[in-house]
Amino acid sequence: MFRMETVVFFQSSRLISQNLPKQAVLLADISLEDLQNCGIRGFIVDLDNTIVSEDDRYVSPHAESWLAEAKRRGFRCFILSNGKRRHRVEYWSRRLQIPAISPARKPFPFSFYKALAHMQISPQEAIAIGDSRHTDILGAFLLGCRCIQVASLPHPPRWWENLFGGWVQFSCPPEVLLWPLEALAEPEEVSL
């Protein structure tokens, strides 16, 4: 169902070959251990329809705990969002305790470079994760880093999705139980 990309590199003078998925249904389906084994030190993650639906109806199941575990393991994280509502991106940045740029103007590489500079890693040590081929995946390609496309959370379709359909995004399968945002408890107030 999903295409695989073979990643080969040298670490501690031994050859490691690891298959990373090109696509995953949910953010939490991506193995942090596999990312570490492939030399990934940080990731650039999309917000809208990757972590939370852009209409704020659904949160990707286990996304918050997956991101917390990633940070606990030493991954560096950064949110790039093309979302126009900055207050919303700032809210999620605070809630997840991950810095963000909005609007990021993806796929143009400028904000990707800012994210890498902030995380102090190279494109080879980064992976971009998002739901849109024309923004997240194309931006990763222009940057020269690896990427994983996740299924887009349910949201009102935009004109380009109606026009290009599955070429731009693939939808979250109906059998996946999504988490309504209002069912989640507010985290305690944190400051960046």
C-alpha atoms as a PDB file:
ATOM      1  CA  MET A   1       0.000   0.000   0.000  1.00  0.00           C
ATOM      2  CA  PHE A   2       2.817   2.446   0.820  1.00  0.00           C
ATOM      3  CA  ARG A   3       6.022   2.961  -1.138  1.00  0.00           C
ATOM      4  CA  MET A   4       9.308   2.482   0.678  1.00  0.00           C
ATOM      5  CA  GLU A   5      12.551   4.406   0.255  1.00  0.00           C
ATOM      6  CA  THR A   6      15.788   2.623   1.087  1.00  0.00           C
ATOM      7  CA  VAL A   7      18.128   4.868   2.996  1.00  0.00           C
ATOM      8  CA  VAL A   8      21.763   3.822   3.167  1.00  0.00           C
ATOM      9  CA  PHE A   9      24.448   5.675   5.098  1.00  0.00           C
ATOM     10  CA  PHE A  10      27.549   5.111   7.237  1.00  0.00           C
ATOM     11  CA  GLN A  11      27.404   5.427  11.003  1.00  0.00           C
ATOM     12  CA  SER A  12      30.297   4.487  13.281  1.00  0.00           C
ATOM     13  CA  SER A  13      32.106   2.921  10.304  1.00  0.00           C
ATOM     14  CA  ARG A  14      29.398   0.379   9.617  1.00  0.00           C
ATOM     15  CA  LEU A  15      26.854   0.321   6.832  1.00  0.00           C
ATOM     16  CA  ILE A  16      23.241   0.667   7.884  1.00  0.00           C
ATOM     17  CA  SER A  17      20.341   0.172   5.501  1.00  0.00           C
ATOM     18  CA  GLN A  18      16.907   1.075   6.735  1.00  0.00           C
ATOM     19  CA  ASN A  19      13.584   1.321   4.992  1.00  0.00           C
ATOM     20  CA  LEU A  20      11.669   4.488   5.744  1.00  0.00           C
ATOM     21  CA  PRO A  21       8.104   4.804   4.525  1.00  0.00           C
ATOM     22  CA  LYS A  22       7.313   7.437   1.922  1.00  0.00           C
ATOM     23  CA  GLN A  23       3.793   7.608   3.394  1.00  0.00           C
ATOM     24  CA  ALA A  24       2.112   6.868   6.727  1.00  0.00           C
ATOM     25  CA  VAL A  25      -1.525   7.074   7.747  1.00  0.00           C
ATOM     26  CA  LEU A  26      -0.870   8.951  11.010  1.00  0.00           C
ATOM     27  CA  LEU A  27       2.042  10.859  12.467  1.00  0.00           C
ATOM     28  CA  ALA A  28       2.212   8.369  15.349  1.00  0.00           C
ATOM     29  CA  ASP A  29       2.630   5.495  12.854  1.00  0.00           C
ATOM     30  CA  ILE A  30       6.156   6.701  12.059  1.00  0.00           C
ATOM     31  CA  SER A  31       8.784   4.776  14.015  1.00  0.00           C
ATOM     32  CA  LEU A  32      11.037   7.070  16.029  1.00  0.00           C
ATOM     33  CA  GLU A  33      13.518   4.227  16.361  1.00  0.00           C
ATOM     34  CA  ASP A  34      13.745   3.871  12.567  1.00  0.00           C
ATOM     35  CA  LEU A  35      14.304   7.615  12.242  1.00  0.00           C
ATOM     36  CA  GLN A  36      17.120   7.478  14.810  1.00  0.00           C
ATOM     37  CA  ASN A  37      18.662   4.471  13.074  1.00  0.00           C
ATOM     38  CA  CYS A  38      18.717   6.458   9.825  1.00  0.00           C
ATOM     39  CA  GLY A  39      20.631   9.343  11.375  1.00  0.00           C
ATOM     40  CA  ILE A  40      17.663  11.702  11.647  1.00  0.00           C
ATOM     41  CA  ARG A  41      18.248  14.266  14.404  1.00  0.00           C
ATOM     42  CA  GLY A  42      15.277  16.522  13.842  1.00  0.00           C
ATOM     43  CA  PHE A  43      12.107  16.984  11.905  1.00  0.00           C
ATOM     44  CA  ILE A  44      10.104  19.727  10.339  1.00  0.00           C
ATOM     45  CA  VAL A  45       6.429  18.967  10.795  1.00  0.00           C
ATOM     46  CA  ASP A  46       3.348  20.539   9.268  1.00  0.00           C
ATOM     47  CA  LEU A  47       0.496  21.596  11.557  1.00  0.00           C
ATOM     48  CA  ASP A  48      -2.675  21.829   9.454  1.00  0.00           C
ATOM     49  CA  ASN A  49      -4.197  18.444   8.619  1.00  0.00           C
ATOM     50  CA  THR A  50      -1.063  16.670   9.902  1.00  0.00           C
ATOM     51  CA  ILE A  51      -1.268  17.287  13.667  1.00  0.00           C
ATOM     52  CA  VAL A  52      -4.681  18.961  13.844  1.00  0.00           C
ATOM     53  CA  SER A  53      -7.335  19.492  11.175  1.00  0.00           C
ATOM     54  CA  GLU A  54      -7.330  23.041   9.876  1.00  0.00           C
ATOM     55  CA  ASP A  55     -10.936  23.532  11.026  1.00  0.00           C
ATOM     56  CA  ASP A  56      -9.885  22.431  14.545  1.00  0.00           C
ATOM     57  CA  ARG A  57     -12.275  19.483  14.618  1.00  0.00           C
ATOM     58  CA  TYR A  58      -9.780  16.603  14.886  1.00  0.00           C
ATOM     59  CA  VAL A  59      -6.357  15.895  16.338  1.00  0.00           C
ATOM     60  CA  SER A  60      -4.250  13.121  14.851  1.00  0.00           C
ATOM     61  CA  PRO A  61      -4.423  10.227  17.363  1.00  0.00           C
ATOM     62  CA  HIS A  62      -1.382  10.032  19.637  1.00  0.00           C
ATOM     63  CA  ALA A  63       0.311  12.956  17.847  1.00  0.00           C
ATOM     64  CA  GLU A  64       0.965  14.903  21.041  1.00  0.00           C
ATOM     65  CA  SER A  65       2.434  11.917  22.869  1.00  0.00           C
ATOM     66  CA  TRP A  66       4.484  10.979  19.762  1.00  0.00           C
ATOM     67  CA  LEU A  67       5.946  14.502  19.625  1.00  0.00           C
ATOM     68  CA  ALA A  68       6.653  14.465  23.381  1.00  0.00           C
ATOM     69  CA  GLU A  69       8.424  11.102  23.047  1.00  0.00           C
ATOM     70  CA  ALA A  70      10.432  12.410  20.091  1.00  0.00           C
ATOM     71  CA  LYS A  71      11.648  15.355  22.165  1.00  0.00           C
ATOM     72  CA  ARG A  72      12.403  13.042  25.096  1.00  0.00           C
ATOM     73  CA  ARG A  73      14.606  10.968  22.751  1.00  0.00           C
ATOM     74  CA  GLY A  74      16.523  14.079  21.754  1.00  0.00           C
ATOM     75  CA  PHE A  75      14.922  14.855  18.393  1.00  0.00           C
ATOM     76  CA  ARG A  76      14.726  18.512  17.512  1.00  0.00           C
ATOM     77  CA  CYS A  77      11.333  19.617  16.255  1.00  0.00           C
ATOM     78  CA  PHE A  78      10.021  22.600  14.336  1.00  0.00           C
ATOM     79  CA  ILE A  79       6.539  23.421  12.980  1.00  0.00           C
ATOM     80  CA  LEU A  80       6.149  25.049   9.581  1.00  0.00           C
ATOM     81  CA  SER A  81       2.601  26.104   8.788  1.00  0.00           C
ATOM     82  CA  ASN A  82       1.094  27.875   5.816  1.00  0.00           C
ATOM     83  CA  GLY A  83      -1.886  28.622   8.042  1.00  0.00           C
ATOM     84  CA  LYS A  84      -3.058  32.210   7.880  1.00  0.00           C
ATOM     85  CA  ARG A  85      -4.340  32.340  11.464  1.00  0.00           C
ATOM     86  CA  ARG A  86      -1.133  33.080  13.387  1.00  0.00           C
ATOM     87  CA  HIS A  87      -2.843  33.000  16.792  1.00  0.00           C
ATOM     88  CA  ARG A  88      -3.846  29.394  16.111  1.00  0.00           C
ATOM     89  CA  VAL A  89      -0.311  28.360  15.127  1.00  0.00           C
ATOM     90  CA  GLU A  90       1.063  30.175  18.186  1.00  0.00           C
ATOM     91  CA  TYR A  91      -1.427  28.312  20.391  1.00  0.00           C
ATOM     92  CA  TRP A  92      -0.288  24.920  19.050  1.00  0.00           C
ATOM     93  CA  SER A  93       3.354  25.947  19.240  1.00  0.00           C
ATOM     94  CA  ARG A  94       2.907  26.725  22.952  1.00  0.00           C
ATOM     95  CA  ARG A  95       0.782  23.640  23.602  1.00  0.00           C
ATOM     96  CA  LEU A  96       3.310  21.302  21.960  1.00  0.00           C
ATOM     97  CA  GLN A  97       6.324  23.318  23.140  1.00  0.00           C
ATOM     98  CA  ILE A  98       7.719  23.368  19.605  1.00  0.00           C
ATOM     99  CA  PRO A  99       8.822  26.556  17.820  1.00  0.00           C
ATOM    100  CA  ALA A 100       6.903  27.484  14.680  1.00  0.00           C
ATOM    101  CA  ILE A 101       6.900  29.759  11.640  1.00  0.00           C
ATOM    102  CA  SER A 102       3.610  30.952  10.180  1.00  0.00           C
ATOM    103  CA  PRO A 103       2.948  31.658   7.413  1.00  0.00           C
ATOM    104  CA  ALA A 104       5.855  29.544   6.203  1.00  0.00           C
ATOM    105  CA  ARG A 105       5.159  30.015   2.485  1.00  0.00           C
ATOM    106  CA  LYS A 106       5.951  26.387   1.704  1.00  0.00           C
ATOM    107  CA  PRO A 107       7.217  24.961  -0.621  1.00  0.00           C
ATOM    108  CA  PHE A 108       9.697  27.841  -0.890  1.00  0.00           C
ATOM    109  CA  PRO A 109      12.776  26.789   1.066  1.00  0.00           C
ATOM    110  CA  PHE A 110      13.357  29.964   3.116  1.00  0.00           C
ATOM    111  CA  SER A 111      11.408  28.849   6.200  1.00  0.00           C
ATOM    112  CA  PHE A 112      12.841  25.330   5.898  1.00  0.00           C
ATOM    113  CA  TYR A 113      16.347  26.838   6.115  1.00  0.00           C
ATOM    114  CA  LYS A 114      15.300  28.917   9.143  1.00  0.00           C
ATOM    115  CA  ALA A 115      13.982  25.781  10.838  1.00  0.00           C
ATOM    116  CA  LEU A 116      17.228  23.892  10.161  1.00  0.00           C
ATOM    117  CA  ALA A 117      19.305  26.806  11.459  1.00  0.00           C
ATOM    118  CA  HIS A 118      17.188  26.953  14.614  1.00  0.00           C
ATOM    119  CA  MET A 119      17.592  23.195  15.165  1.00  0.00           C
ATOM    120  CA  GLN A 120      21.300  23.389  14.215  1.00  0.00           C
ATOM    121  CA  ILE A 121      21.145  20.399  11.879  1.00  0.00           C
ATOM    122  CA  SER A 122      21.831  19.774   8.196  1.00  0.00           C
ATOM    123  CA  PRO A 123      19.222  18.757   5.604  1.00  0.00           C
ATOM    124  CA  GLN A 124      20.668  15.222   5.666  1.00  0.00           C
ATOM    125  CA  GLU A 125      19.877  14.986   9.397  1.00  0.00           C
ATOM    126  CA  ALA A 126      16.309  16.228   8.956  1.00  0.00           C
ATOM    127  CA  ILE A 127      13.044  14.795   7.760  1.00  0.00           C
ATOM    128  CA  ALA A 128       9.968  16.768   6.756  1.00  0.00           C
ATOM    129  CA  ILE A 129       6.576  15.332   7.691  1.00  0.00           C
ATOM    130  CA  GLY A 130       3.340  16.673   6.265  1.00  0.00           C
ATOM    131  CA  ASP A 131       0.159  15.901   4.372  1.00  0.00           C
ATOM    132  CA  SER A 132       0.609  17.892   1.150  1.00  0.00           C
ATOM    133  CA  ARG A 133       2.791  16.966  -1.788  1.00  0.00           C
ATOM    134  CA  HIS A 134       2.710  20.466  -3.244  1.00  0.00           C
ATOM    135  CA  THR A 135       3.904  22.173  -0.040  1.00  0.00           C
ATOM    136  CA  ASP A 136       5.520  19.843   2.527  1.00  0.00           C
ATOM    137  CA  ILE A 137       6.950  17.175   0.224  1.00  0.00           C
ATOM    138  CA  LEU A 138       8.011  19.564  -2.542  1.00  0.00           C
ATOM    139  CA  GLY A 139       9.616  21.844   0.061  1.00  0.00           C
ATOM    140  CA  ALA A 140      11.613  18.906   1.457  1.00  0.00           C
ATOM    141  CA  PHE A 141      12.715  18.003  -2.063  1.00  0.00           C
ATOM    142  CA  LEU A 142      13.883  21.580  -2.733  1.00  0.00           C
ATOM    143  CA  LEU A 143      15.742  21.559   0.591  1.00  0.00           C
ATOM    144  CA  GLY A 144      17.356  18.184  -0.066  1.00  0.00           C
ATOM    145  CA  CYS A 145      16.006  16.393   2.984  1.00  0.00           C
ATOM    146  CA  ARG A 146      13.976  13.232   3.316  1.00  0.00           C
ATOM    147  CA  CYS A 147      10.223  13.338   3.803  1.00  0.00           C
ATOM    148  CA  ILE A 148       7.200  11.306   4.810  1.00  0.00           C
ATOM    149  CA  GLN A 149       3.700  12.180   3.672  1.00  0.00           C
ATOM    150  CA  VAL A 150       0.919  11.429   6.157  1.00  0.00           C
ATOM    151  CA  ALA A 151      -2.773  11.088   5.392  1.00  0.00           C
ATOM    152  CA  SER A 152      -4.640  14.367   5.510  1.00  0.00           C
ATOM    153  CA  LEU A 153      -7.049  14.723   8.431  1.00  0.00           C
ATOM    154  CA  PRO A 154     -10.671  15.428   7.426  1.00  0.00           C
ATOM    155  CA  HIS A 155     -11.211  19.083   6.550  1.00  0.00           C
ATOM    156  CA  PRO A 156     -13.272  21.180   4.142  1.00  0.00           C
ATOM    157  CA  PRO A 157     -11.696  20.681   0.704  1.00  0.00           C
ATOM    158  CA  ARG A 158      -9.887  23.569  -0.893  1.00  0.00           C
ATOM    159  CA  TRP A 159     -10.117  24.381  -4.598  1.00  0.00           C
ATOM    160  CA  TRP A 160      -6.785  22.744  -5.480  1.00  0.00           C
ATOM    161  CA  GLU A 161      -7.785  19.542  -3.686  1.00  0.00           C
ATOM    162  CA  ASN A 162     -10.972  19.419  -5.737  1.00  0.00           C
ATOM    163  CA  LEU A 163      -8.980  20.047  -8.896  1.00  0.00           C
ATOM    164  CA  PHE A 164      -5.996  17.728  -8.306  1.00  0.00           C
ATOM    165  CA  GLY A 165      -7.522  15.207  -5.889  1.00  0.00           C
ATOM    166  CA  GLY A 166      -5.272  12.387  -4.714  1.00  0.00           C
ATOM    167  CA  TRP A 167      -2.223  13.782  -6.447  1.00  0.00           C
ATOM    168  CA  VAL A 168      -1.957  16.520  -3.812  1.00  0.00           C
ATOM    169  CA  GLN A 169      -3.013  14.586  -0.695  1.00  0.00           C
ATOM    170  CA  PHE A 170      -4.386  11.238   0.346  1.00  0.00           C
ATOM    171  CA  SER A 171      -7.257  11.110   2.795  1.00  0.00           C
ATOM    172  CA  CYS A 172      -7.251   9.491   6.184  1.00  0.00           C
ATOM    173  CA  PRO A 173      -8.982   6.095   5.786  1.00  0.00           C
ATOM    174  CA  PRO A 174     -12.503   5.983   7.268  1.00  0.00           C
ATOM    175  CA  GLU A 175     -11.592   3.075   9.582  1.00  0.00           C
ATOM    176  CA  VAL A 176      -9.113   5.273  11.496  1.00  0.00           C
ATOM    177  CA  LEU A 177     -10.707   6.601  14.667  1.00  0.00           C
ATOM    178  CA  LEU A 178      -9.863  10.276  14.889  1.00  0.00           C
ATOM    179  CA  TRP A 179      -9.820  12.250  18.116  1.00  0.00           C
ATOM    180  CA  PRO A 180     -12.249  15.161  18.333  1.00  0.00           C
ATOM    181  CA  LEU A 181     -10.368  18.201  19.600  1.00  0.00           C
ATOM    182  CA  GLU A 182     -12.971  19.082  22.213  1.00  0.00           C
ATOM    183  CA  ALA A 183     -12.446  15.656  23.857  1.00  0.00           C
ATOM    184  CA  LEU A 184      -8.813  16.484  24.702  1.00  0.00           C
ATOM    185  CA  ALA A 185      -7.952  18.162  27.961  1.00  0.00           C
ATOM    186  CA  GLU A 186      -6.094  21.448  27.846  1.00  0.00           C
ATOM    187  CA  PRO A 187      -2.462  21.034  28.891  1.00  0.00           C
ATOM    188  CA  GLU A 188      -1.151  23.069  31.760  1.00  0.00           C
ATOM    189  CA  GLU A 189       0.106  26.514  30.767  1.00  0.00           C
ATOM    190  CA  VAL A 190       3.653  26.372  29.456  1.00  0.00           C
ATOM    191  CA  SER A 191       5.962  29.026  28.126  1.00  0.00           C
ATOM    192  CA  LEU A 192       8.553  28.657  25.403  1.00  0.00           C
END
